[in-house]
Amino acid sequence: MIALGRWTLLPSRERPRYLMFETNWAGTPQSYIPDFAMVMPSQWRFIWNNTSRFPGPLPTTRLLEHIDTVDWGTDHYWSDYREDSTTQTV
């Protein structure tokens, strides 16, 4: 389950600019990226086609390799719910 997902275009005076995708998915990329890529291939091409070395959404093996290459990792997590965590189920 994704409770938050957003894209941010990071400004830069130089090329390349960065398109950053943030999400709070609690699982591994291998558990949800293939599903999204198969359900939304046109949308993913529209969003990511102008980024460097985007291999396309399918086959997902190349996509997962690309994501491993460009992933910045987890930096922070913000929540407005003091009593809850990202792993708590409702």
Protein backbone atom coordinates (compact mmCIF):
# COMPACT_ATOMS: atom_id res chain seq x y z
CA MET A 1 0.00 0.00 0.00
CA ILE A 2 1.20 3.49 -0.87
CA ALA A 3 -0.19 6.27 1.30
CA LEU A 4 1.96 8.95 -0.30
CA GLY A 5 3.59 9.19 -3.70
CA ARG A 6 4.83 12.27 -5.51
CA TRP A 7 7.13 13.44 -8.25
CA THR A 8 9.32 16.50 -7.84
CA LEU A 9 11.30 18.25 -10.57
CA LEU A 10 14.46 19.46 -8.86
CA PRO A 11 15.62 22.75 -10.39
CA SER A 12 19.13 23.10 -11.69
CA ARG A 13 21.03 25.79 -13.56
CA GLU A 14 22.90 23.03 -15.29
CA ARG A 15 21.71 20.00 -17.16
CA PRO A 16 20.55 17.44 -16.24
CA ARG A 17 17.67 18.37 -14.00
CA TYR A 18 16.41 15.65 -11.70
CA LEU A 19 12.97 14.08 -11.57
CA MET A 20 12.58 12.58 -8.12
CA PHE A 21 9.92 10.08 -7.12
CA GLU A 22 9.14 9.75 -3.42
CA THR A 23 6.93 7.16 -1.80
CA ASN A 24 6.38 5.64 1.60
CA TRP A 25 6.02 2.05 0.38
CA ALA A 26 7.04 -0.26 3.20
CA GLY A 27 7.99 -3.23 1.00
CA THR A 28 10.81 -3.85 -1.44
CA PRO A 29 10.83 -2.38 -4.95
CA GLN A 30 10.60 -5.90 -6.37
CA SER A 31 7.16 -6.33 -4.78
CA TYR A 32 5.39 -3.37 -6.37
CA ILE A 33 7.34 -1.91 -9.30
CA PRO A 34 6.60 -4.84 -11.66
CA ASP A 35 2.88 -4.57 -10.88
CA PHE A 36 2.81 -0.82 -11.61
CA ALA A 37 4.88 -1.26 -14.76
CA MET A 38 2.49 -3.86 -16.15
CA VAL A 39 -0.68 -1.95 -15.23
CA MET A 40 0.55 1.53 -16.22
CA PRO A 41 3.18 1.18 -18.99
CA SER A 42 1.91 4.17 -21.01
CA GLN A 43 1.89 6.45 -17.98
CA TRP A 44 5.40 5.36 -16.99
CA ARG A 45 6.70 6.05 -20.51
CA PHE A 46 5.09 9.50 -20.40
CA ILE A 47 6.68 10.34 -17.03
CA TRP A 48 10.12 8.75 -17.40
CA ASN A 49 10.94 8.64 -21.16
CA ASN A 50 12.93 11.88 -21.08
CA THR A 51 15.14 10.74 -18.20
CA SER A 52 18.64 9.38 -18.73
CA ARG A 53 18.90 5.73 -19.71
CA PHE A 54 15.26 4.84 -18.92
CA PRO A 55 14.90 1.30 -20.35
CA GLY A 56 11.11 1.40 -20.54
CA PRO A 57 8.66 -0.23 -18.16
CA LEU A 58 8.79 -3.69 -19.72
CA PRO A 59 10.48 -6.09 -19.28
CA THR A 60 10.62 -5.28 -15.59
CA THR A 61 14.02 -6.91 -15.06
CA ARG A 62 15.73 -4.05 -16.96
CA LEU A 63 13.56 -1.52 -15.14
CA LEU A 64 14.55 -2.91 -11.72
CA GLU A 65 18.24 -2.81 -12.69
CA HIS A 66 17.83 0.83 -13.76
CA ILE A 67 16.09 1.72 -10.49
CA ASP A 68 18.91 0.10 -8.49
CA THR A 69 21.35 2.33 -10.41
CA VAL A 70 19.53 5.63 -9.85
CA ASP A 71 17.98 5.03 -6.40
CA TRP A 72 19.11 7.55 -3.77
CA GLY A 73 17.92 5.36 -0.93
CA THR A 74 15.90 6.37 2.10
CA ASP A 75 16.85 9.71 3.56
CA HIS A 76 13.98 10.57 5.86
CA TYR A 77 10.38 9.86 6.69
CA TRP A 78 7.87 12.42 7.88
CA SER A 79 4.61 11.53 9.57
CA ASP A 80 1.94 13.60 11.23
CA TYR A 81 0.80 10.67 13.34
CA ARG A 82 2.86 10.41 16.52
CA GLU A 83 1.42 7.06 17.55
CA ASP A 84 1.71 5.31 14.16
CA SER A 85 4.59 3.96 12.11
CA THR A 86 5.01 2.96 8.47
CA THR A 87 4.60 -0.71 9.36
CA GLN A 88 1.43 -0.32 11.42
CA THR A 89 -1.68 -1.76 9.79
CA VAL A 90 -5.14 -0.33 10.21
